Protein backbone atom coordinates (compact mmCIF):
# COMPACT_ATOMS: atom_id res chain seq x y z
CA MET A 1 0.15 0.31 -0.07
CA LYS A 2 1.66 2.85 -0.62
CA GLN A 3 1.35 6.44 1.88
CA VAL A 4 -0.56 9.48 0.78
CA THR A 5 1.26 12.53 2.57
CA MET A 6 -1.03 15.36 3.02
CA LEU A 7 0.90 19.24 2.81
CA ALA A 8 0.05 21.53 5.38
CA MET A 9 -0.63 24.40 3.29
CA SER A 10 -0.69 28.14 4.78
CA GLU A 11 0.79 31.48 3.58
CA ALA A 12 3.23 34.31 4.96
CA VAL A 13 0.33 37.41 4.77
CA GLU A 14 2.31 40.56 3.78
CA LEU A 15 1.02 43.39 4.96
CA ASP A 16 1.91 47.51 3.60
CA VAL A 17 1.84 49.00 7.65
CA ASP A 18 2.78 52.33 5.43
CA LYS A 19 0.63 52.41 3.63
CA LEU A 20 -1.86 51.93 6.84
CA ASP A 21 -0.06 54.57 8.27
CA ALA A 22 -0.30 56.67 5.41
CA LEU A 23 -4.61 55.88 5.51
CA TYR A 24 -4.56 56.66 9.41
CA GLU A 25 -2.18 59.95 9.24
CA ALA A 26 -4.40 60.70 6.50
CA LEU A 27 -7.81 60.23 7.56
CA GLY A 28 -7.57 60.61 11.27
CA ASP A 29 -8.31 57.62 12.93
CA VAL A 30 -11.94 57.26 13.29
CA ALA A 31 -12.42 57.69 9.61
CA ALA A 32 -9.75 55.99 8.54
CA GLU A 33 -10.67 52.48 11.30
CA ASP A 34 -13.54 52.79 9.45
CA VAL A 35 -12.37 52.55 6.20
CA VAL A 36 -10.46 49.42 7.39
CA CYS A 37 -13.87 47.78 8.92
CA ARG A 38 -16.04 48.20 5.99
CA ALA A 39 -12.44 47.57 3.71
CA MET A 40 -12.95 44.21 5.59
CA GLU A 41 -15.99 43.14 5.83
CA GLU A 42 -16.12 43.55 1.58
CA LEU A 43 -12.97 41.37 1.02
CA ALA A 44 -15.08 38.73 3.32
CA VAL A 45 -18.09 39.05 1.48
CA LYS A 46 -16.27 39.21 -1.41
CA LEU A 47 -14.43 35.71 -0.73
CA ALA A 48 -17.46 33.99 0.01
CA GLN A 49 -18.83 35.12 -3.18
CA VAL A 50 -15.61 33.78 -5.15
CA ASP A 51 -15.66 30.13 -3.87
CA ARG A 52 -19.63 30.08 -4.47
CA LEU A 53 -19.07 31.88 -8.19
CA TYR A 54 -16.05 29.72 -9.12
CA ARG A 55 -17.83 26.15 -7.79
CA SER A 56 -20.16 27.02 -9.91
CA HIS A 57 -18.83 27.61 -12.66
CA GLN A 58 -19.44 30.97 -13.42
CA ILE A 59 -16.02 32.45 -13.89
CA GLU A 60 -17.38 35.85 -15.31
CA GLU A 61 -18.52 36.82 -12.09
CA MET A 62 -15.86 35.58 -10.13
CA TYR A 63 -13.35 37.44 -12.78
CA LYS A 64 -15.33 40.66 -11.78
CA ALA A 65 -15.14 40.09 -7.89
CA VAL A 66 -11.84 39.24 -8.13
CA ARG A 67 -10.43 42.44 -9.45
CA SER A 68 -12.29 44.49 -7.11
CA MET A 69 -11.21 42.36 -4.06
CA GLY A 70 -7.65 43.36 -5.81
CA ALA A 71 -9.07 47.08 -5.55
CA ILE A 72 -9.41 47.22 -2.04
CA ALA A 73 -6.69 44.50 -1.00
CA ASP A 74 -4.22 46.89 -2.72
CA GLN A 75 -6.30 50.46 -0.58
CA ILE A 76 -5.59 48.85 2.83
CA GLY A 77 -2.62 48.13 2.08
CA MET A 78 -3.03 43.98 1.81
CA VAL A 79 0.18 43.18 -0.50
CA LEU A 80 -0.31 38.98 -0.86
CA LEU A 81 -4.19 39.37 -1.32
CA ALA A 82 -3.57 42.09 -4.18
CA GLN A 83 -1.09 40.01 -5.72
CA VAL A 84 -2.53 36.89 -5.78
CA SER A 85 -6.17 38.75 -7.23
CA ARG A 86 -3.67 39.92 -9.40
CA ASP A 87 -2.61 36.31 -10.12
CA VAL A 88 -6.24 35.09 -10.77
CA VAL A 89 -7.11 37.39 -13.15
CA ALA A 90 -4.06 36.10 -15.32
CA CYS A 91 -5.28 32.48 -15.57
CA VAL A 92 -8.75 32.99 -16.53
CA ASP A 93 -7.07 36.03 -18.96
CA ALA A 94 -4.89 33.11 -20.31
CA ALA A 95 -7.39 30.37 -19.79
CA ASP A 96 -5.75 28.46 -17.65
CA SER A 97 -8.01 26.61 -15.63
CA THR A 98 -5.49 23.67 -14.34
CA ALA A 99 -3.78 27.06 -12.18
CA LEU A 100 -6.95 28.70 -11.78
CA ALA A 101 -8.12 25.83 -9.67
CA ALA A 102 -5.20 26.35 -7.52
CA VAL A 103 -4.53 29.84 -7.43
CA VAL A 104 -8.12 30.14 -6.26
CA GLN A 105 -7.38 28.62 -3.76
CA ARG A 106 -4.06 30.40 -2.71
CA LEU A 107 -6.72 33.45 -2.98
CA MET A 108 -8.71 32.23 -0.32
CA ARG A 109 -6.11 30.99 2.25
CA SER A 110 -4.16 34.55 1.55
CA GLY A 111 -7.34 36.18 2.23
CA GLU A 112 -8.36 34.18 4.61
CA GLY A 113 -4.69 34.94 6.59
CA SER A 114 -4.80 38.60 5.47
CA LEU A 115 -8.55 39.36 6.74
CA THR A 116 -7.15 37.78 10.34
CA GLN A 117 -3.55 39.48 9.58
CA ILE A 118 -5.30 43.04 9.76
CA TRP A 119 -7.94 42.90 12.25
CA ARG A 120 -4.29 41.79 14.59
CA ALA A 121 -2.95 45.11 13.43
CA GLN A 122 -6.10 46.65 14.06
CA ASP A 123 -6.28 45.49 17.59
CA LEU A 124 -2.77 46.68 18.63
CA SER A 125 -3.83 50.29 17.23
CA ILE A 126 -1.55 50.67 13.84
């Protein structure tokens, strides 16, 4: 009998703290916190939407949601999530369904990790 090894998949999340600091400096603590919280809510909704759309093979709609996610992630300094969003878009543009399957899963991991990381950063009062 052959042995199957399960790989633990994780992502090293990157946040652009300078971008967050600039956002807080430009808007003030209360307004910046509101922007970040709204962005986090929207990203959580979009992550679930992308997962649902991908599983139901609605790639065109998923593509739109991913592009929106990337823009939001970039706005609040979620470097990895913004990059992986661009990677998903590139896979769709290239019609590479094999790569798309892998990169969508990476998007889910990096999205969850990014949301957790920025939540922790918020708790530490950036």
